[in-house]
Amino acid sequence: MLSKGPAKKVTIYVNEDTRSHLGPLYEAILAFLLHKGVAGATASRAIAGFGAHQMMHTTQVEELTEHLPIRIEFVESAEKIDNLLPTLYDMVTDGLIEVQDTQIVKFATKERGRLPRPLHEEKRGKAKMMRIYLGEADRWQGEPLYDAIVKRLRMLEISGATVHRGILGYGAKGHTHRKSFLHLSKDLPLMISVIDSEERIKQATEMVEAMVEDALIVVSDVEIIRLVRSKPAEEAPHANLPAS
């Protein structure tokens, strides 16, 4: 299974009417990749294009549509790509194969079928809590600052974050912000609350500090007591609770 980190991206260009032994070449390539356990592959059909033969193919002219280019793209580990390339090289006798270095930021998939209802277990331990106080009108690169912060917290794989919207408050500037029927403030106070390990909170704090100009960041020690659903015993025979 793919995991976060360095990988390779392969792009294959063939014509739609290029044949393999049993049918279109692009279908044979996809079947081969599926058989070899590639995490996923996509074939897309272009609406226009030309290649080494210097002939334009387009959907606008009926007799030229059968030669439209097909693009097949997939991402896998470098080791697996090296094993696949010799066969792909033999299969693509008229086309183009491109290999690029890439970086997997996130790979997630949902398991099929309904799993047995997991048990509950209690986790306790030391952690850090970060609170970020800012205004609803604060922006960062064209989007709301609070939204941008939460997105980047997810990319750091922080366990969770909650945005609280105030109804009344004031900050260092002494301005009062309130929400009422007669006064709809566009800059109500917000607080983002995050709890995670000391190491991850340190990373998150450095990230937030680089994004904010007028805000307050508070970090404090906390004791966590968390009820989580654990895997059934037969699926996790060596599972142990972390040390408090």
Protein backbone atom coordinates (compact mmCIF):
# COMPACT_ATOMS: atom_id res chain seq x y z
CA MET A 1 0.00 0.00 0.00
CA LEU A 2 1.18 3.52 -0.75
CA SER A 3 2.40 5.59 2.15
CA LYS A 4 3.32 9.19 2.76
CA GLY A 5 6.72 10.10 1.30
CA PRO A 6 8.74 9.93 -1.95
CA ALA A 7 7.22 8.05 -4.90
CA LYS A 8 7.18 7.90 -8.69
CA LYS A 9 4.47 9.04 -11.12
CA VAL A 10 4.19 7.33 -14.49
CA THR A 11 2.31 8.85 -17.42
CA ILE A 12 1.73 6.83 -20.59
CA TYR A 13 0.44 8.36 -23.85
CA VAL A 14 -1.04 6.07 -26.51
CA ASN A 15 -3.64 6.44 -29.25
CA GLU A 16 -7.16 5.26 -28.55
CA ASP A 17 -7.14 2.96 -31.58
CA THR A 18 -3.78 1.32 -30.77
CA ARG A 19 -4.47 -2.36 -30.29
CA SER A 20 -3.13 -5.07 -28.05
CA HIS A 21 -3.77 -8.78 -28.53
CA LEU A 22 -7.27 -8.79 -27.04
CA GLY A 23 -8.44 -5.19 -27.47
CA PRO A 24 -7.39 -1.57 -27.03
CA LEU A 25 -3.87 -1.14 -25.69
CA TYR A 26 -4.94 1.27 -22.92
CA GLU A 27 -7.34 -1.35 -21.55
CA ALA A 28 -4.57 -3.97 -21.60
CA ILE A 29 -2.27 -1.59 -19.70
CA LEU A 30 -4.91 -0.94 -17.05
CA ALA A 31 -5.57 -4.66 -16.68
CA PHE A 32 -1.84 -5.30 -16.26
CA LEU A 33 -1.51 -2.59 -13.59
CA LEU A 34 -4.53 -3.97 -11.72
CA HIS A 35 -3.09 -7.50 -11.86
CA LYS A 36 0.23 -6.25 -10.45
CA GLY A 37 -1.47 -4.59 -7.48
CA VAL A 38 -0.93 -0.94 -8.43
CA ALA A 39 -2.78 1.28 -5.94
CA GLY A 40 -4.77 3.02 -8.69
CA ALA A 41 -4.57 4.19 -12.29
CA THR A 42 -6.62 6.55 -14.45
CA ALA A 43 -7.07 6.65 -18.22
CA SER A 44 -8.37 9.92 -19.66
CA ARG A 45 -9.39 10.66 -23.25
CA ALA A 46 -8.22 13.91 -24.79
CA ILE A 47 -10.42 16.14 -26.96
CA ALA A 48 -7.57 17.15 -29.28
CA GLY A 49 -3.88 16.52 -29.78
CA PHE A 50 -1.00 15.53 -32.01
CA GLY A 51 2.13 13.43 -31.54
CA ALA A 52 5.31 12.29 -33.27
CA HIS A 53 3.38 11.65 -36.52
CA GLN A 54 2.54 15.40 -36.66
CA MET A 55 -1.14 14.76 -37.38
CA MET A 56 -3.86 16.66 -35.53
CA HIS A 57 -6.62 14.57 -33.97
CA THR A 58 -9.81 16.21 -32.71
CA THR A 59 -13.39 15.47 -31.76
CA GLN A 60 -14.51 18.19 -34.17
CA VAL A 61 -13.87 16.00 -37.23
CA GLU A 62 -15.52 12.56 -37.09
CA GLU A 63 -12.89 10.70 -39.10
CA LEU A 64 -10.14 11.96 -36.78
CA THR A 65 -11.77 10.99 -33.46
CA GLU A 66 -10.65 7.36 -33.54
CA HIS A 67 -6.99 8.40 -33.23
CA LEU A 68 -7.43 10.59 -30.15
CA PRO A 69 -4.70 10.31 -27.50
CA ILE A 70 -5.28 8.42 -24.25
CA ARG A 71 -3.37 9.40 -21.11
CA ILE A 72 -2.80 6.75 -18.42
CA GLU A 73 -1.43 7.95 -15.09
CA PHE A 74 -0.54 6.19 -11.85
CA VAL A 75 1.61 6.69 -8.76
CA GLU A 76 3.59 3.97 -6.99
CA SER A 77 6.77 3.35 -5.04
CA ALA A 78 10.07 3.60 -6.93
CA GLU A 79 10.76 -0.11 -6.39
CA LYS A 80 7.42 -1.17 -7.86
CA ILE A 81 7.79 1.21 -10.81
CA ASP A 82 11.18 -0.34 -11.63
CA ASN A 83 9.55 -3.78 -11.72
CA LEU A 84 6.70 -2.63 -13.96
CA LEU A 85 8.63 -0.60 -16.52
CA PRO A 86 10.19 -3.47 -18.54
CA THR A 87 6.75 -4.94 -19.33
CA LEU A 88 5.24 -1.51 -20.03
CA TYR A 89 8.17 -0.75 -22.33
CA ASP A 90 7.38 -3.88 -24.37
CA MET A 91 3.65 -3.14 -24.44
CA VAL A 92 3.93 0.48 -25.67
CA THR A 93 5.38 0.12 -29.17
CA ASP A 94 3.86 3.39 -30.42
CA GLY A 95 3.52 6.00 -27.70
CA LEU A 96 5.33 7.73 -24.86
CA ILE A 97 6.18 6.71 -21.29
CA GLU A 98 7.15 9.43 -18.80
CA VAL A 99 8.43 8.85 -15.24
CA GLN A 100 8.65 11.66 -12.68
CA ASP A 101 9.67 11.93 -9.04
CA THR A 102 6.76 12.95 -6.82
CA GLN A 103 5.80 13.24 -3.16
CA ILE A 104 2.76 11.59 -1.59
CA VAL A 105 1.26 14.02 0.91
CA LYS A 106 -1.70 11.85 1.87
CA PHE A 107 -3.03 8.42 0.90
CA ALA A 108 -6.32 7.33 2.45
CA THR A 109 -8.84 4.67 1.53
CA LYS A 110 -12.08 3.35 3.02
CA GLU A 111 -12.36 -0.32 3.80
CA ARG A 112 -15.19 -2.10 2.05
CA GLY A 113 -17.90 -3.87 3.98
CA ARG A 114 -19.08 -3.32 7.53
CA LEU A 115 -16.59 -4.14 10.23
CA PRO A 116 -17.62 -5.58 13.62
CA ARG A 117 -18.47 -2.89 16.13
CA PRO A 118 -15.16 -2.12 17.88
CA LEU A 119 -14.62 -2.12 21.60
CA HIS A 120 -13.92 0.99 23.65
CA GLU A 121 -10.67 1.65 25.39
CA GLU A 122 -9.54 4.51 27.59
CA LYS A 123 -6.37 6.44 26.90
CA ARG A 124 -4.76 8.75 29.42
CA GLY A 125 -1.59 10.77 29.25
CA LYS A 126 0.18 14.10 29.14
CA ALA A 127 -0.35 16.40 26.18
CA LYS A 128 -0.23 20.04 25.10
CA MET A 129 -3.11 22.32 24.23
CA MET A 130 -2.73 25.27 21.87
CA ARG A 131 -5.32 28.02 21.67
CA ILE A 132 -5.21 30.62 18.88
CA TYR A 133 -7.22 33.83 19.35
CA LEU A 134 -7.90 35.82 16.17
CA GLY A 135 -10.59 37.75 14.32
CA GLU A 136 -13.11 36.34 11.90
CA ALA A 137 -12.13 38.96 9.29
CA ASP A 138 -8.41 38.03 9.35
CA ARG A 139 -7.18 36.78 5.98
CA TRP A 140 -4.25 34.75 4.68
CA GLN A 141 -3.46 34.57 0.97
CA GLY A 142 -7.02 35.41 -0.02
CA GLU A 143 -8.88 33.02 2.30
CA PRO A 144 -10.10 33.28 5.91
CA LEU A 145 -7.14 32.86 8.25
CA TYR A 146 -8.94 30.41 10.53
CA ASP A 147 -9.82 28.18 7.56
CA ALA A 148 -6.23 28.25 6.27
CA ILE A 149 -4.88 27.35 9.72
CA VAL A 150 -7.22 24.37 10.12
CA LYS A 151 -6.29 23.06 6.65
CA ARG A 152 -2.59 23.18 7.48
CA LEU A 153 -3.17 21.56 10.86
CA ARG A 154 -4.72 18.64 9.00
CA MET A 155 -1.66 18.42 6.73
CA LEU A 156 0.49 18.18 9.87
CA GLU A 157 -1.77 15.29 10.91
CA ILE A 158 -2.80 17.03 14.13
CA SER A 159 -5.34 14.78 15.88
CA GLY A 160 -8.08 17.42 15.89
CA ALA A 161 -8.92 21.12 15.93
CA THR A 162 -12.07 23.06 16.86
CA VAL A 163 -12.96 26.63 15.85
CA HIS A 164 -15.08 28.50 18.41
CA ARG A 165 -16.97 31.62 17.29
CA GLY A 166 -17.51 34.24 19.95
CA ILE A 167 -20.56 36.44 20.38
CA LEU A 168 -18.79 39.20 22.31
CA GLY A 169 -15.19 40.10 23.01
CA TYR A 170 -12.32 42.54 22.75
CA GLY A 171 -8.57 42.19 22.23
CA ALA A 172 -5.31 44.09 22.56
CA LYS A 173 -6.62 47.04 20.56
CA GLY A 174 -9.51 47.57 22.99
CA HIS A 175 -12.17 47.30 20.28
CA THR A 176 -15.39 45.58 21.32
CA HIS A 177 -16.81 43.05 18.88
CA ARG A 178 -20.34 41.84 19.37
CA LYS A 179 -23.15 40.05 17.58
CA SER A 180 -26.72 41.23 18.06
CA PHE A 181 -29.88 41.75 16.07
CA LEU A 182 -29.02 45.41 15.56
CA HIS A 183 -25.29 45.05 15.09
CA LEU A 184 -23.85 42.29 12.90
CA SER A 185 -20.09 42.37 13.37
CA LYS A 186 -17.90 41.17 10.50
CA ASP A 187 -14.96 40.64 12.83
CA LEU A 188 -16.24 38.48 15.67
CA PRO A 189 -13.61 36.84 17.89
CA LEU A 190 -12.56 33.28 17.06
CA MET A 191 -10.61 30.71 19.02
CA ILE A 192 -9.00 27.62 17.51
CA SER A 193 -8.37 24.88 20.07
CA VAL A 194 -5.88 22.07 19.38
CA ILE A 195 -4.68 19.19 21.59
CA ASP A 196 -1.85 16.84 20.66
CA SER A 197 1.60 15.66 21.71
CA GLU A 198 4.27 18.19 22.70
CA GLU A 199 6.24 17.57 19.51
CA ARG A 200 3.29 18.10 17.19
CA ILE A 201 2.05 21.15 19.06
CA LYS A 202 5.53 22.63 18.70
CA GLN A 203 5.38 22.07 14.92
CA ALA A 204 1.88 23.53 14.78
CA THR A 205 2.89 26.59 16.80
CA GLU A 206 5.78 27.36 14.45
CA MET A 207 3.46 27.00 11.46
CA VAL A 208 0.79 29.29 12.94
CA GLU A 209 3.35 31.92 13.99
CA ALA A 210 4.44 32.24 10.35
CA MET A 211 0.83 32.81 9.22
CA VAL A 212 -0.56 35.31 11.74
CA GLU A 213 0.22 39.00 12.23
CA ASP A 214 -2.29 40.08 14.87
CA ALA A 215 -3.28 37.17 17.08
CA LEU A 216 -2.62 35.49 20.41
CA ILE A 217 -1.24 31.96 20.74
CA VAL A 218 -1.38 30.20 24.11
CA VAL A 219 0.14 26.77 24.85
CA SER A 220 -0.53 24.93 28.10
CA ASP A 221 -0.05 21.49 29.67
CA VAL A 222 -3.10 19.23 29.82
CA GLU A 223 -4.05 15.75 30.97
CA ILE A 224 -6.05 13.84 28.38
CA ILE A 225 -8.69 11.24 29.13
CA ARG A 226 -10.04 9.86 25.90
CA LEU A 227 -12.44 7.05 25.06
CA VAL A 228 -11.63 5.57 21.66
CA ARG A 229 -12.91 2.67 19.65
CA SER A 230 -10.23 0.04 19.34
CA LYS A 231 -9.86 -2.86 16.93
CA PRO A 232 -11.25 -6.23 18.00
CA ALA A 233 -8.76 -8.33 19.92
CA GLU A 234 -8.27 -10.79 17.04
CA GLU A 235 -7.23 -7.93 14.74
CA ALA A 236 -4.80 -6.35 17.19
CA PRO A 237 -3.34 -9.10 19.45
CA HIS A 238 -0.34 -6.99 20.47
CA ALA A 239 -2.12 -3.69 21.09
CA ASN A 240 -1.02 -1.94 24.29
CA LEU A 241 -2.09 1.32 25.86
CA PRO A 242 0.52 4.09 25.79
CA ALA A 243 2.31 4.85 29.00
CA SER A 244 0.82 7.70 31.00
